[in-house]
Protein backbone atom coordinates (compact mmCIF):
# COMPACT_ATOMS: atom_id res chain seq x y z
CA UNK A 1 -41.00 -107.80 -22.22
CA UNK A 2 -39.87 -111.05 -24.42
CA UNK A 3 -41.78 -111.93 -27.20
CA UNK A 4 -41.62 -114.13 -30.53
CA UNK A 5 -40.09 -111.83 -32.93
CA UNK A 6 -41.43 -114.10 -35.68
CA UNK A 7 -44.70 -113.54 -34.23
CA UNK A 8 -44.54 -109.88 -34.00
CA UNK A 9 -43.27 -109.63 -37.91
CA UNK A 10 -46.68 -111.61 -39.18
CA UNK A 11 -48.77 -108.98 -36.92
CA UNK A 12 -46.96 -106.26 -38.40
CA UNK A 13 -47.71 -107.29 -42.01
CA UNK A 14 -49.12 -104.32 -43.82
CA UNK A 15 -47.67 -101.52 -41.59
CA UNK A 16 -45.41 -99.09 -43.23
CA UNK A 17 -42.08 -98.37 -41.40
CA UNK A 18 -41.76 -94.89 -42.88
CA UNK A 19 -44.87 -93.45 -41.14
CA UNK A 20 -44.94 -94.94 -37.70
CA UNK A 21 -45.60 -92.76 -34.68
CA UNK A 22 -42.23 -91.62 -33.33
CA UNK A 23 -44.04 -91.21 -29.97
CA UNK A 24 -46.99 -92.85 -28.81
CA UNK A 25 -48.83 -92.08 -25.21
CA UNK A 26 -51.16 -94.69 -23.39
CA UNK A 27 -53.89 -94.09 -20.95
CA UNK A 28 -53.98 -97.55 -19.47
CA UNK A 29 -57.82 -97.72 -18.50
CA UNK A 30 -60.07 -100.44 -17.54
CA UNK A 31 -57.83 -102.66 -14.89
CA UNK A 32 -60.46 -102.56 -11.87
CA UNK A 33 -63.61 -103.29 -14.31
CA UNK A 34 -61.81 -105.85 -15.90
CA UNK A 35 -61.27 -107.42 -12.23
CA UNK A 36 -64.94 -106.45 -11.34
CA UNK A 37 -66.54 -108.25 -14.28
CA UNK A 38 -64.68 -111.37 -12.96
CA UNK A 39 -65.70 -110.81 -9.15
CA UNK A 40 -62.17 -110.55 -8.38
CA UNK A 41 -60.22 -108.00 -6.29
CA UNK A 42 -59.43 -104.86 -8.21
CA UNK A 43 -55.73 -105.36 -7.61
CA UNK A 44 -56.06 -108.56 -9.67
CA UNK A 45 -56.91 -106.38 -12.83
CA UNK A 46 -53.70 -104.24 -11.94
CA UNK A 47 -51.50 -107.30 -11.98
CA UNK A 48 -53.10 -108.43 -15.19
CA UNK A 49 -52.65 -105.22 -16.67
CA UNK A 50 -48.47 -105.37 -15.94
CA UNK A 51 -48.47 -108.24 -18.39
CA UNK A 52 -50.04 -105.90 -21.04
CA UNK A 53 -47.34 -103.41 -20.48
CA UNK A 54 -44.40 -105.93 -21.04
CA UNK A 55 -46.50 -107.03 -24.39
CA UNK A 56 -46.81 -103.47 -25.75
CA UNK A 57 -43.11 -102.05 -24.75
CA UNK A 58 -41.86 -105.15 -26.66
CA UNK A 59 -43.97 -104.47 -29.61
CA UNK A 60 -43.12 -100.62 -29.79
CA UNK A 61 -39.15 -101.80 -29.32
CA UNK A 62 -39.63 -104.35 -32.13
CA UNK A 63 -41.64 -101.82 -34.34
CA UNK A 64 -39.06 -99.14 -33.94
CA UNK A 65 -41.33 -96.77 -32.17
CA UNK A 66 -38.94 -94.47 -30.38
CA UNK A 67 -41.30 -93.05 -27.34
CA UNK A 68 -43.60 -94.79 -25.63
CA UNK A 69 -45.49 -92.91 -22.39
CA UNK A 70 -47.48 -94.94 -20.12
CA UNK A 71 -49.83 -93.38 -17.65
CA UNK A 72 -49.24 -95.36 -14.96
CA UNK A 73 -50.06 -93.43 -11.91
CA UNK A 74 -52.12 -90.00 -11.73
CA UNK A 75 -51.73 -87.20 -9.16
CA UNK A 76 -55.58 -87.90 -8.82
CA UNK A 77 -55.09 -91.64 -7.99
CA UNK A 78 -53.62 -90.71 -4.72
CA UNK A 79 -57.19 -90.09 -3.48
CA UNK A 80 -57.85 -94.07 -4.20
CA UNK A 81 -58.41 -96.36 -1.03
CA UNK A 82 -55.09 -96.63 0.47
CA UNK A 83 -54.87 -100.50 0.10
CA UNK A 84 -55.17 -99.99 -3.02
CA UNK A 85 -52.74 -97.45 -3.46
CA UNK A 86 -50.07 -99.72 -1.50
CA UNK A 87 -50.63 -102.70 -3.78
CA UNK A 88 -50.29 -100.49 -6.99
CA UNK A 89 -46.95 -99.23 -5.42
CA UNK A 90 -45.97 -102.94 -4.84
CA UNK A 91 -46.47 -103.82 -8.25
CA UNK A 92 -44.65 -100.93 -9.49
CA UNK A 93 -41.30 -101.73 -7.65
CA UNK A 94 -41.85 -105.34 -8.92
CA UNK A 95 -42.01 -104.22 -12.56
CA UNK A 96 -39.42 -101.48 -12.19
CA UNK A 97 -36.54 -104.32 -10.53
CA UNK A 98 -37.99 -107.27 -12.64
CA UNK A 99 -37.62 -105.38 -15.99
CA UNK A 100 -34.19 -103.70 -15.27
CA UNK A 101 -31.70 -106.05 -17.08
CA UNK A 102 -34.21 -106.61 -19.75
CA UNK A 103 -34.60 -102.76 -20.67
CA UNK A 104 -30.83 -102.44 -20.33
CA UNK A 105 -30.14 -105.68 -22.94
CA UNK A 106 -32.54 -104.26 -25.43
CA UNK A 107 -31.36 -100.66 -25.37
CA UNK A 108 -34.56 -99.28 -23.55
CA UNK A 109 -33.94 -96.12 -21.67
CA UNK A 110 -36.24 -95.34 -18.38
CA UNK A 111 -37.64 -91.91 -17.81
CA UNK A 112 -40.41 -91.21 -14.97
CA UNK A 113 -42.63 -88.27 -15.66
CA UNK A 114 -43.73 -86.69 -12.64
CA UNK A 115 -43.56 -85.99 -9.06
CA UNK A 116 -40.90 -88.77 -8.42
CA UNK A 117 -40.21 -87.14 -4.69
CA UNK A 118 -43.92 -88.07 -3.85
CA UNK A 119 -43.58 -91.73 -4.42
CA UNK A 120 -41.96 -94.17 -1.67
CA UNK A 121 -38.62 -93.90 -0.60
CA UNK A 122 -37.97 -97.18 -2.01
CA UNK A 123 -39.45 -96.83 -5.20
CA UNK A 124 -37.72 -93.74 -5.80
CA UNK A 125 -34.49 -95.60 -5.07
CA UNK A 126 -35.26 -98.31 -7.54
CA UNK A 127 -36.57 -96.30 -10.28
CA UNK A 128 -33.37 -94.17 -10.05
CA UNK A 129 -31.17 -97.17 -10.21
CA UNK A 130 -33.08 -98.10 -13.58
CA UNK A 131 -32.89 -94.89 -15.10
CA UNK A 132 -29.27 -94.88 -14.12
CA UNK A 133 -28.65 -98.15 -15.64
CA UNK A 134 -30.27 -97.14 -18.80
CA UNK A 135 -29.40 -93.92 -19.44
CA UNK A 136 -27.33 -94.23 -22.10
CA UNK A 137 -29.79 -96.47 -24.12
CA UNK A 138 -30.95 -95.00 -27.22
CA UNK A 139 -33.34 -97.25 -29.16
CA UNK A 140 -36.19 -96.70 -27.40
CA UNK A 141 -37.56 -94.25 -24.31
CA UNK A 142 -40.01 -95.52 -21.92
CA UNK A 143 -41.97 -93.20 -20.02
CA UNK A 144 -43.84 -93.96 -16.75
CA UNK A 145 -45.98 -90.84 -15.79
CA UNK A 146 -46.21 -91.64 -12.13
CA UNK A 147 -47.87 -89.02 -9.80
CA UNK A 148 -48.27 -87.43 -13.28
CA UNK A 149 -50.94 -84.67 -14.05
CA UNK A 150 -50.94 -82.28 -16.83
CA UNK A 151 -52.15 -79.38 -14.89
CA UNK A 152 -49.45 -79.61 -12.17
CA UNK A 153 -46.81 -79.88 -14.81
CA UNK A 154 -47.70 -76.88 -16.68
CA UNK A 155 -48.21 -74.96 -13.31
CA UNK A 156 -44.69 -75.89 -12.56
CA UNK A 157 -43.17 -74.97 -16.02
CA UNK A 158 -45.06 -71.46 -15.84
CA UNK A 159 -43.69 -71.38 -12.26
CA UNK A 160 -40.32 -71.80 -13.50
CA UNK A 161 -40.39 -69.16 -16.19
CA UNK A 162 -42.32 -66.61 -13.57
CA UNK A 163 -39.14 -67.05 -11.28
CA UNK A 164 -36.68 -66.38 -14.08
CA UNK A 165 -38.72 -62.94 -15.14
CA UNK A 166 -38.94 -62.16 -11.34
CA UNK A 167 -34.88 -62.47 -11.33
CA UNK A 168 -34.65 -60.25 -14.56
CA UNK A 169 -33.04 -63.04 -16.51
CA UNK A 170 -36.01 -63.27 -18.81
CA UNK A 171 -38.83 -60.89 -20.10
CA UNK A 172 -42.61 -61.92 -20.16
CA UNK A 173 -42.82 -61.20 -24.12
CA UNK A 174 -39.51 -63.49 -24.38
CA UNK A 175 -41.68 -66.44 -23.26
CA UNK A 176 -42.50 -68.80 -26.15
CA UNK A 177 -44.46 -71.89 -26.39
CA UNK A 178 -40.84 -73.59 -27.08
CA UNK A 179 -39.96 -72.16 -23.98
CA UNK A 180 -42.64 -73.72 -22.06
CA UNK A 181 -42.36 -76.74 -23.48
CA UNK A 182 -38.71 -76.83 -22.64
CA UNK A 183 -39.71 -76.71 -18.84
CA UNK A 184 -42.05 -79.46 -18.83
CA UNK A 185 -41.30 -83.08 -18.00
CA UNK A 186 -40.75 -84.09 -21.79
CA UNK A 187 -38.52 -81.10 -22.49
CA UNK A 188 -36.49 -82.64 -25.55
CA UNK A 189 -38.70 -85.13 -26.32
CA UNK A 190 -40.86 -84.72 -29.70
CA UNK A 191 -44.82 -84.48 -28.74
CA UNK A 192 -46.70 -87.31 -28.93
CA UNK A 193 -48.18 -88.31 -32.51
CA UNK A 194 -50.70 -90.44 -31.39
CA UNK A 195 -52.36 -91.00 -27.89
CA UNK A 196 -54.48 -94.52 -27.26
CA UNK A 197 -57.03 -94.66 -24.35
CA UNK A 198 -58.60 -98.10 -23.50
CA UNK A 199 -61.87 -98.86 -21.64
CA UNK A 200 -63.98 -96.37 -24.07
CA UNK A 201 -63.71 -93.52 -22.00
CA UNK A 202 -63.29 -90.33 -24.25
CA UNK A 203 -61.28 -87.93 -22.17
CA UNK A 204 -57.45 -87.25 -21.47
CA UNK A 205 -57.79 -87.51 -18.10
CA UNK A 206 -55.03 -84.60 -17.35
CA UNK A 207 -52.26 -86.47 -19.52
CA UNK A 208 -50.05 -84.68 -21.75
CA UNK A 209 -52.93 -81.91 -22.49
CA UNK A 210 -50.08 -79.46 -23.69
CA UNK A 211 -48.18 -81.93 -25.74
CA UNK A 212 -51.22 -83.62 -27.35
CA UNK A 213 -52.70 -80.65 -29.13
CA UNK A 214 -52.07 -82.20 -32.39
CA UNK A 215 -51.86 -85.68 -31.74
CA UNK A 216 -53.83 -88.45 -33.18
CA UNK A 217 -56.58 -89.83 -30.68
CA UNK A 218 -57.82 -93.40 -30.52
CA UNK A 219 -60.14 -94.52 -28.02
CA UNK A 220 -60.88 -98.21 -27.88
CA UNK A 221 -63.54 -100.33 -25.30
CA UNK A 222 -61.32 -103.15 -24.83
CA UNK A 223 -59.89 -102.59 -20.93
CA UNK A 224 -56.34 -102.61 -20.63
CA UNK A 225 -55.84 -106.26 -19.04
CA UNK A 226 -57.32 -107.58 -22.59
CA UNK A 227 -55.38 -105.03 -24.53
CA UNK A 228 -53.19 -107.10 -27.00
CA UNK A 229 -50.35 -106.51 -29.45
CA UNK A 230 -52.69 -107.53 -32.45
CA UNK A 231 -55.03 -104.55 -31.41
CA UNK A 232 -52.31 -102.43 -31.20
CA UNK A 233 -50.95 -103.17 -34.72
CA UNK A 234 -54.64 -102.51 -35.77
CA UNK A 235 -54.59 -99.21 -34.30
CA UNK A 236 -51.11 -98.45 -35.83
CA UNK A 237 -52.49 -99.30 -39.29
CA UNK A 238 -55.63 -96.83 -38.68
CA UNK A 239 -53.34 -93.83 -37.57
CA UNK A 240 -51.31 -94.41 -40.96
CA UNK A 241 -54.48 -93.88 -42.76
CA UNK A 242 -55.25 -90.39 -41.14
CA UNK A 243 -54.60 -87.39 -43.06
CA UNK A 244 -52.44 -85.40 -40.43
CA UNK A 245 -52.78 -81.60 -41.64
CA UNK A 246 -51.62 -79.99 -38.12
CA UNK A 247 -54.52 -77.30 -38.48
CA UNK A 248 -53.29 -76.53 -42.17
CA UNK A 249 -54.77 -77.19 -45.80
CA UNK A 250 -52.58 -79.45 -47.98
CA UNK A 251 -52.16 -77.59 -51.36
CA UNK A 252 -53.10 -79.24 -54.52
CA UNK A 253 -51.04 -80.15 -57.16
CA UNK A 254 -53.02 -80.13 -60.04
CA UNK A 255 -53.87 -77.29 -62.45
CA UNK A 256 -57.04 -75.56 -63.15
CA UNK A 257 -55.91 -74.77 -66.68
């Protein structure tokens, strides 16, 4: 995740540090197409995409963005060819191990969103080691969404609340948006302010659908392996120009009289 801080400062010129998003979500799409365009195996695209992850995590840490959630492997991705899934698991394990000390030294906490128990045992073990090591880090939280699907997440939350109702410890009328949020994988975290999707697809693909209710969304045609910190900062500048009203209308301070 190392990068040149002086270069980062130059890139960030013009950004207002007071209105940066607290939480950014990223749908990292286009690894396979990047490789196919170059007549390479799809796995080469995933390998190149891992380098992009390092760059963007570093950029977020340097800019002071507190939460970054990366959609790394969806519940639907299990349906990909077995060889590709196996290769993705190998890359995931390498990343978790290779970045462990860097995350600790840079005060970054690793968190996993999704069905960790569905991942291979060795990955569960390495992920838990990194999460334990970085548990007390507070400068930034890196969420890896693994075996993650928003519908599964919401269903799991509803089932948990239904169990409480069945046991008599909760009344149906007491279920609120806040109590549902408290049973999601992102409990205690702020909702994403900005969601970025690479590769030009205009859909959320089962990613943070509850949490993204009022997130700003930015779609770029850039394939994930080609995504750069410069483009990321350009998107942050675009975000700062948006008028976030959360469904409300801002009252005018001017007088008609």
